[in-house]
Amino acid sequence: MTAQGIFKALGHTPTRLATRHARDWYATPPWVVTAFLELEASAIRAHGSLVWEPAAGDGAMLGPLLAAGFTTVASDIEPMAAGIDRLDFLRAPTALAPIIVTNPPYRLCSPRSGGAPFVERALRLGVAYMALLLPANWTWAGRRSRLLEEFPLARIRPISRRIDWDGRGSPSQDHAWHVWDKNHTGPTHFVRDTVQINSRCGDLLRSSGDPESRDHRNSGEA
């Protein structure tokens, strides 16, 4: 019996199952984007300043991007704020910018969705740079081997502090930024603890961790 079945048999519904948001919408805390841009802004700017956020929701990611000096174009299948275009990303005929930075709906990035349609669509649009916020173990699934062989990752940047998506405390999942960059050559870089977050005041603290090169194209490591 699955964990969900056990809970139902006991007459309980797990909080995570009961409160799953429609279309997997979870607003990204600004610090997650700010910390990432501290490290990747220069690599992003090598491809220009126009960034597309194709799963913008209520626009939570746009503030940090604008503060870092980028120009943004935002869309979502179900916009939740003014200034965000209504667009089904999976049916977008062309890319709206050469750069994508987003927290995609996980249901469209998991094996249960028949592969990773959101990721594959983005890569086949031919963008020059893409950063997706995904579970830290996203590369582990065997079904993704073909996609990662065709479109190798440039960098994986794990986040040293777990993201509390719903404000309840005690988050259980680790996340990482997964970066595809056409300017990158060689194996995937797995970058450990390059930016840490001070949980009391939110300051960004650079650590002395060095990038570690690993080839994830034919590996089950995250």
C-alpha atoms as a PDB file:
ATOM      1  CA  MET A   1       0.000   0.000   0.000  1.00  0.00           C
ATOM      2  CA  THR A   2       1.235   3.481  -0.803  1.00  0.00           C
ATOM      3  CA  ALA A   3       1.770   6.181   1.824  1.00  0.00           C
ATOM      4  CA  GLN A   4      -1.321   7.951   0.509  1.00  0.00           C
ATOM      5  CA  GLY A   5      -3.358   4.751   0.854  1.00  0.00           C
ATOM      6  CA  ILE A   6      -2.203   4.242   4.441  1.00  0.00           C
ATOM      7  CA  PHE A   7      -3.254   7.756   5.392  1.00  0.00           C
ATOM      8  CA  LYS A   8      -6.682   7.252   3.784  1.00  0.00           C
ATOM      9  CA  ALA A   9      -7.126   3.918   5.572  1.00  0.00           C
ATOM     10  CA  LEU A  10      -6.453   5.666   8.875  1.00  0.00           C
ATOM     11  CA  GLY A  11      -8.935   8.393   8.030  1.00  0.00           C
ATOM     12  CA  HIS A  12      -6.325  11.115   7.615  1.00  0.00           C
ATOM     13  CA  THR A  13      -5.245  13.252   4.669  1.00  0.00           C
ATOM     14  CA  PRO A  14      -1.585  14.341   4.646  1.00  0.00           C
ATOM     15  CA  THR A  15      -1.211  18.123   4.712  1.00  0.00           C
ATOM     16  CA  ARG A  16       0.959  18.056   1.609  1.00  0.00           C
ATOM     17  CA  LEU A  17      -1.698  16.161  -0.351  1.00  0.00           C
ATOM     18  CA  ALA A  18      -4.593  18.221   0.979  1.00  0.00           C
ATOM     19  CA  THR A  19      -3.085  21.588   0.158  1.00  0.00           C
ATOM     20  CA  ARG A  20      -1.415  20.977  -3.193  1.00  0.00           C
ATOM     21  CA  HIS A  21      -1.979  24.158  -5.204  1.00  0.00           C
ATOM     22  CA  ALA A  22      -3.730  24.165  -8.554  1.00  0.00           C
ATOM     23  CA  ARG A  23      -1.329  23.940 -11.510  1.00  0.00           C
ATOM     24  CA  ASP A  24       1.533  23.484  -9.004  1.00  0.00           C
ATOM     25  CA  TRP A  25       1.711  27.208  -8.339  1.00  0.00           C
ATOM     26  CA  TYR A  26       4.045  28.099  -5.473  1.00  0.00           C
ATOM     27  CA  ALA A  27       5.426  31.638  -5.276  1.00  0.00           C
ATOM     28  CA  THR A  28       9.226  31.648  -5.227  1.00  0.00           C
ATOM     29  CA  PRO A  29      10.691  33.522  -2.220  1.00  0.00           C
ATOM     30  CA  PRO A  30      12.783  36.484  -3.467  1.00  0.00           C
ATOM     31  CA  TRP A  31      15.933  35.329  -1.676  1.00  0.00           C
ATOM     32  CA  VAL A  32      16.035  32.187  -3.839  1.00  0.00           C
ATOM     33  CA  VAL A  33      16.322  34.305  -6.991  1.00  0.00           C
ATOM     34  CA  THR A  34      18.569  36.983  -5.464  1.00  0.00           C
ATOM     35  CA  ALA A  35      21.097  34.413  -4.264  1.00  0.00           C
ATOM     36  CA  PHE A  36      21.136  32.780  -7.684  1.00  0.00           C
ATOM     37  CA  LEU A  37      21.664  36.083  -9.497  1.00  0.00           C
ATOM     38  CA  GLU A  38      24.588  36.891  -7.204  1.00  0.00           C
ATOM     39  CA  LEU A  39      26.361  34.006  -8.931  1.00  0.00           C
ATOM     40  CA  GLU A  40      24.906  33.828 -12.415  1.00  0.00           C
ATOM     41  CA  ALA A  41      24.198  37.441 -13.463  1.00  0.00           C
ATOM     42  CA  SER A  42      27.399  37.751 -15.499  1.00  0.00           C
ATOM     43  CA  ALA A  43      26.767  34.481 -17.348  1.00  0.00           C
ATOM     44  CA  ILE A  44      23.201  35.570 -18.067  1.00  0.00           C
ATOM     45  CA  ARG A  45      24.260  38.999 -19.355  1.00  0.00           C
ATOM     46  CA  ALA A  46      26.560  37.307 -21.854  1.00  0.00           C
ATOM     47  CA  HIS A  47      23.332  36.483 -23.719  1.00  0.00           C
ATOM     48  CA  GLY A  48      21.672  39.876 -23.301  1.00  0.00           C
ATOM     49  CA  SER A  49      19.420  41.556 -20.768  1.00  0.00           C
ATOM     50  CA  LEU A  50      15.958  40.366 -21.811  1.00  0.00           C
ATOM     51  CA  VAL A  51      14.706  37.499 -19.610  1.00  0.00           C
ATOM     52  CA  TRP A  52      11.522  35.484 -20.136  1.00  0.00           C
ATOM     53  CA  GLU A  53       9.671  34.149 -17.093  1.00  0.00           C
ATOM     54  CA  PRO A  54       7.209  31.699 -18.715  1.00  0.00           C
ATOM     55  CA  ALA A  55       5.616  30.375 -15.497  1.00  0.00           C
ATOM     56  CA  ALA A  56       5.313  33.743 -13.794  1.00  0.00           C
ATOM     57  CA  GLY A  57       2.203  33.131 -11.670  1.00  0.00           C
ATOM     58  CA  ASP A  58       1.894  36.262  -9.543  1.00  0.00           C
ATOM     59  CA  GLY A  59       5.245  37.666 -10.714  1.00  0.00           C
ATOM     60  CA  ALA A  60       7.269  36.750  -7.611  1.00  0.00           C
ATOM     61  CA  MET A  61      10.486  36.232  -9.594  1.00  0.00           C
ATOM     62  CA  LEU A  62      10.277  39.477 -11.514  1.00  0.00           C
ATOM     63  CA  GLY A  63      11.287  41.792  -8.671  1.00  0.00           C
ATOM     64  CA  PRO A  64      14.757  40.307  -8.111  1.00  0.00           C
ATOM     65  CA  LEU A  65      15.367  40.123 -11.877  1.00  0.00           C
ATOM     66  CA  LEU A  66      14.433  43.787 -12.345  1.00  0.00           C
ATOM     67  CA  ALA A  67      16.502  44.793  -9.314  1.00  0.00           C
ATOM     68  CA  ALA A  68      19.508  43.079 -10.913  1.00  0.00           C
ATOM     69  CA  GLY A  69      19.090  45.232 -14.027  1.00  0.00           C
ATOM     70  CA  PHE A  70      17.356  42.786 -16.348  1.00  0.00           C
ATOM     71  CA  THR A  71      14.375  43.527 -18.569  1.00  0.00           C
ATOM     72  CA  THR A  72      11.624  40.956 -18.217  1.00  0.00           C
ATOM     73  CA  VAL A  73       8.787  39.531 -20.268  1.00  0.00           C
ATOM     74  CA  ALA A  74       6.393  37.430 -18.219  1.00  0.00           C
ATOM     75  CA  SER A  75       3.733  34.899 -19.176  1.00  0.00           C
ATOM     76  CA  ASP A  76       1.696  32.152 -17.580  1.00  0.00           C
ATOM     77  CA  ILE A  77      -1.095  29.793 -18.595  1.00  0.00           C
ATOM     78  CA  GLU A  78      -3.138  31.396 -15.821  1.00  0.00           C
ATOM     79  CA  PRO A  79      -1.740  34.862 -14.950  1.00  0.00           C
ATOM     80  CA  MET A  80      -2.268  36.015 -11.387  1.00  0.00           C
ATOM     81  CA  ALA A  81      -1.127  39.630 -11.709  1.00  0.00           C
ATOM     82  CA  ALA A  82      -1.346  42.543 -14.120  1.00  0.00           C
ATOM     83  CA  GLY A  83       1.346  42.758 -16.773  1.00  0.00           C
ATOM     84  CA  ILE A  84       1.694  38.991 -17.188  1.00  0.00           C
ATOM     85  CA  ASP A  85       0.643  37.671 -20.599  1.00  0.00           C
ATOM     86  CA  ARG A  86      -1.639  34.662 -20.865  1.00  0.00           C
ATOM     87  CA  LEU A  87       0.277  31.938 -22.693  1.00  0.00           C
ATOM     88  CA  ASP A  88       0.429  28.154 -22.538  1.00  0.00           C
ATOM     89  CA  PHE A  89       4.177  27.621 -22.552  1.00  0.00           C
ATOM     90  CA  LEU A  90       3.908  24.149 -24.081  1.00  0.00           C
ATOM     91  CA  ARG A  91       2.234  25.710 -27.119  1.00  0.00           C
ATOM     92  CA  ALA A  92       4.493  28.747 -27.485  1.00  0.00           C
ATOM     93  CA  PRO A  93       5.544  28.885 -31.163  1.00  0.00           C
ATOM     94  CA  THR A  94       8.765  30.802 -30.486  1.00  0.00           C
ATOM     95  CA  ALA A  95      10.824  31.972 -27.538  1.00  0.00           C
ATOM     96  CA  LEU A  96       9.954  35.452 -26.282  1.00  0.00           C
ATOM     97  CA  ALA A  97      13.558  36.052 -25.183  1.00  0.00           C
ATOM     98  CA  PRO A  98      16.934  34.300 -25.499  1.00  0.00           C
ATOM     99  CA  ILE A  99      17.035  33.740 -21.721  1.00  0.00           C
ATOM    100  CA  ILE A 100      14.614  31.832 -19.481  1.00  0.00           C
ATOM    101  CA  VAL A 101      14.662  31.939 -15.681  1.00  0.00           C
ATOM    102  CA  THR A 102      11.730  30.269 -13.939  1.00  0.00           C
ATOM    103  CA  ASN A 103      10.362  27.942 -11.289  1.00  0.00           C
ATOM    104  CA  PRO A 104       8.400  25.570 -13.542  1.00  0.00           C
ATOM    105  CA  PRO A 105       5.352  23.531 -12.523  1.00  0.00           C
ATOM    106  CA  TYR A 106       6.855  20.306 -11.251  1.00  0.00           C
ATOM    107  CA  ARG A 107       4.030  18.168 -12.610  1.00  0.00           C
ATOM    108  CA  LEU A 108       5.333  19.101 -16.093  1.00  0.00           C
ATOM    109  CA  CYS A 109       8.911  18.206 -15.170  1.00  0.00           C
ATOM    110  CA  SER A 110       8.412  14.756 -13.680  1.00  0.00           C
ATOM    111  CA  PRO A 111       8.331  11.248 -15.166  1.00  0.00           C
ATOM    112  CA  ARG A 112       4.616  11.082 -14.351  1.00  0.00           C
ATOM    113  CA  SER A 113       4.029  13.760 -16.979  1.00  0.00           C
ATOM    114  CA  GLY A 114       5.450  11.451 -19.641  1.00  0.00           C
ATOM    115  CA  GLY A 115       8.986  12.754 -19.361  1.00  0.00           C
ATOM    116  CA  ALA A 116       9.685  16.429 -18.759  1.00  0.00           C
ATOM    117  CA  PRO A 117       7.570  18.320 -21.326  1.00  0.00           C
ATOM    118  CA  PHE A 118       8.201  21.781 -19.877  1.00  0.00           C
ATOM    119  CA  VAL A 119      11.986  21.328 -19.899  1.00  0.00           C
ATOM    120  CA  GLU A 120      12.043  19.708 -23.319  1.00  0.00           C
ATOM    121  CA  ARG A 121       9.847  22.407 -24.848  1.00  0.00           C
ATOM    122  CA  ALA A 122      12.110  25.128 -23.465  1.00  0.00           C
ATOM    123  CA  LEU A 123      15.239  23.483 -24.819  1.00  0.00           C
ATOM    124  CA  ARG A 124      13.731  22.891 -28.247  1.00  0.00           C
ATOM    125  CA  LEU A 125      12.763  26.562 -28.488  1.00  0.00           C
ATOM    126  CA  GLY A 126      16.495  27.150 -28.832  1.00  0.00           C
ATOM    127  CA  VAL A 127      17.069  29.592 -25.984  1.00  0.00           C
ATOM    128  CA  ALA A 128      20.692  30.486 -25.310  1.00  0.00           C
ATOM    129  CA  TYR A 129      20.430  30.280 -21.531  1.00  0.00           C
ATOM    130  CA  MET A 130      17.937  28.667 -19.197  1.00  0.00           C
ATOM    131  CA  ALA A 131      17.829  28.332 -15.407  1.00  0.00           C
ATOM    132  CA  LEU A 132      15.132  26.169 -13.821  1.00  0.00           C
ATOM    133  CA  LEU A 133      14.480  25.762 -10.113  1.00  0.00           C
ATOM    134  CA  LEU A 134      13.946  22.019  -9.645  1.00  0.00           C
ATOM    135  CA  PRO A 135      14.269  19.362  -6.942  1.00  0.00           C
ATOM    136  CA  ALA A 136      17.939  18.697  -6.249  1.00  0.00           C
ATOM    137  CA  ASN A 137      17.580  15.068  -7.390  1.00  0.00           C
ATOM    138  CA  TRP A 138      15.889  15.967 -10.682  1.00  0.00           C
ATOM    139  CA  THR A 139      18.694  14.490 -12.798  1.00  0.00           C
ATOM    140  CA  TRP A 140      18.412  11.083 -11.137  1.00  0.00           C
ATOM    141  CA  ALA A 141      15.468   9.785 -13.166  1.00  0.00           C
ATOM    142  CA  GLY A 142      16.575   7.416 -15.910  1.00  0.00           C
ATOM    143  CA  ARG A 143      13.961   8.762 -18.310  1.00  0.00           C
ATOM    144  CA  ARG A 144      15.872  12.041 -18.448  1.00  0.00           C
ATOM    145  CA  SER A 145      19.111  10.480 -19.686  1.00  0.00           C
ATOM    146  CA  ARG A 146      18.206  10.943 -23.348  1.00  0.00           C
ATOM    147  CA  LEU A 147      17.236  14.570 -22.840  1.00  0.00           C
ATOM    148  CA  LEU A 148      20.382  15.365 -20.838  1.00  0.00           C
ATOM    149  CA  GLU A 149      22.581  13.672 -23.420  1.00  0.00           C
ATOM    150  CA  GLU A 150      21.058  15.820 -26.147  1.00  0.00           C
ATOM    151  CA  PHE A 151      21.037  18.981 -24.028  1.00  0.00           C
ATOM    152  CA  PRO A 152      23.776  18.718 -21.375  1.00  0.00           C
ATOM    153  CA  LEU A 153      23.501  20.859 -18.286  1.00  0.00           C
ATOM    154  CA  ALA A 154      26.147  23.521 -17.772  1.00  0.00           C
ATOM    155  CA  ARG A 155      25.812  23.910 -14.011  1.00  0.00           C
ATOM    156  CA  ILE A 156      23.839  22.635 -11.046  1.00  0.00           C
ATOM    157  CA  ARG A 157      23.713  25.063  -8.118  1.00  0.00           C
ATOM    158  CA  PRO A 158      22.203  23.463  -5.001  1.00  0.00           C
ATOM    159  CA  ILE A 159      20.509  25.784  -2.523  1.00  0.00           C
ATOM    160  CA  SER A 160      21.980  25.432   0.962  1.00  0.00           C
ATOM    161  CA  ARG A 161      18.753  26.411   2.740  1.00  0.00           C
ATOM    162  CA  ARG A 162      15.517  24.506   2.156  1.00  0.00           C
ATOM    163  CA  ILE A 163      12.657  26.531   0.697  1.00  0.00           C
ATOM    164  CA  ASP A 164       9.576  26.926   2.877  1.00  0.00           C
ATOM    165  CA  TRP A 165       6.922  27.172   0.173  1.00  0.00           C
ATOM    166  CA  ASP A 166       3.848  27.501   2.351  1.00  0.00           C
ATOM    167  CA  GLY A 167       5.198  29.206   5.493  1.00  0.00           C
ATOM    168  CA  ARG A 168       4.474  26.232   7.756  1.00  0.00           C
ATOM    169  CA  GLY A 169       8.108  25.614   8.634  1.00  0.00           C
ATOM    170  CA  SER A 170      10.152  22.389   8.476  1.00  0.00           C
ATOM    171  CA  PRO A 171      10.423  22.107   4.659  1.00  0.00           C
ATOM    172  CA  SER A 172      11.456  18.617   3.602  1.00  0.00           C
ATOM    173  CA  GLN A 173      12.775  18.931   0.045  1.00  0.00           C
ATOM    174  CA  ASP A 174      16.114  20.117  -1.296  1.00  0.00           C
ATOM    175  CA  HIS A 175      16.243  22.222  -4.464  1.00  0.00           C
ATOM    176  CA  ALA A 176      18.851  23.337  -6.952  1.00  0.00           C
ATOM    177  CA  TRP A 177      19.091  25.692  -9.890  1.00  0.00           C
ATOM    178  CA  HIS A 178      19.683  23.712 -13.090  1.00  0.00           C
ATOM    179  CA  VAL A 179      21.429  25.793 -15.746  1.00  0.00           C
ATOM    180  CA  TRP A 180      21.728  25.245 -19.488  1.00  0.00           C
ATOM    181  CA  ASP A 181      24.138  27.719 -21.090  1.00  0.00           C
ATOM    182  CA  LYS A 182      25.210  27.615 -24.740  1.00  0.00           C
ATOM    183  CA  ASN A 183      28.469  29.349 -23.818  1.00  0.00           C
ATOM    184  CA  HIS A 184      29.457  26.423 -21.613  1.00  0.00           C
ATOM    185  CA  THR A 185      31.746  23.656 -22.809  1.00  0.00           C
ATOM    186  CA  GLY A 186      32.851  20.503 -21.054  1.00  0.00           C
ATOM    187  CA  PRO A 187      31.155  18.464 -18.329  1.00  0.00           C
ATOM    188  CA  THR A 188      28.461  19.708 -16.014  1.00  0.00           C
ATOM    189  CA  HIS A 189      29.721  21.705 -13.040  1.00  0.00           C
ATOM    190  CA  PHE A 190      28.186  20.765  -9.720  1.00  0.00           C
ATOM    191  CA  VAL A 191      28.708  23.869  -7.584  1.00  0.00           C
ATOM    192  CA  ARG A 192      28.491  23.217  -3.862  1.00  0.00           C
ATOM    193  CA  ASP A 193      27.441  25.813  -1.269  1.00  0.00           C
ATOM    194  CA  THR A 194      28.714  28.801  -3.197  1.00  0.00           C
ATOM    195  CA  VAL A 195      26.084  31.040  -1.661  1.00  0.00           C
ATOM    196  CA  GLN A 196      24.570  30.436   1.743  1.00  0.00           C
ATOM    197  CA  ILE A 197      21.582  32.180   3.260  1.00  0.00           C
ATOM    198  CA  ASN A 198      21.638  33.628   6.764  1.00  0.00           C
ATOM    199  CA  SER A 199      18.274  32.387   8.057  1.00  0.00           C
ATOM    200  CA  ARG A 200      17.990  35.129  10.681  1.00  0.00           C
ATOM    201  CA  CYS A 201      18.508  38.211   8.547  1.00  0.00           C
ATOM    202  CA  GLY A 202      18.401  36.922   4.969  1.00  0.00           C
ATOM    203  CA  ASP A 203      21.902  38.169   4.130  1.00  0.00           C
ATOM    204  CA  LEU A 204      23.755  36.479   1.311  1.00  0.00           C
ATOM    205  CA  LEU A 205      26.987  34.947   2.540  1.00  0.00           C
ATOM    206  CA  ARG A 206      29.579  33.764   0.074  1.00  0.00           C
ATOM    207  CA  SER A 207      31.370  30.619   1.121  1.00  0.00           C
ATOM    208  CA  SER A 208      34.733  29.360  -0.038  1.00  0.00           C
ATOM    209  CA  GLY A 209      33.328  26.314  -1.822  1.00  0.00           C
ATOM    210  CA  ASP A 210      34.870  25.663  -5.220  1.00  0.00           C
ATOM    211  CA  PRO A 211      33.025  24.337  -8.256  1.00  0.00           C
ATOM    212  CA  GLU A 212      33.274  20.605  -8.662  1.00  0.00           C
ATOM    213  CA  SER A 213      33.197  19.209 -12.179  1.00  0.00           C
ATOM    214  CA  ARG A 214      31.049  16.169 -12.728  1.00  0.00           C
ATOM    215  CA  ASP A 215      29.643  14.770 -15.925  1.00  0.00           C
ATOM    216  CA  HIS A 216      25.913  14.255 -15.342  1.00  0.00           C
ATOM    217  CA  ARG A 217      25.077  13.314 -18.880  1.00  0.00           C
ATOM    218  CA  ASN A 218      25.577   9.619 -18.217  1.00  0.00           C
ATOM    219  CA  SER A 219      25.336   9.578 -14.445  1.00  0.00           C
ATOM    220  CA  GLY A 220      22.658   9.108 -11.835  1.00  0.00           C
ATOM    221  CA  GLU A 221      24.209  11.675  -9.514  1.00  0.00           C
ATOM    222  CA  ALA A 222      22.419  14.932  -8.819  1.00  0.00           C
END
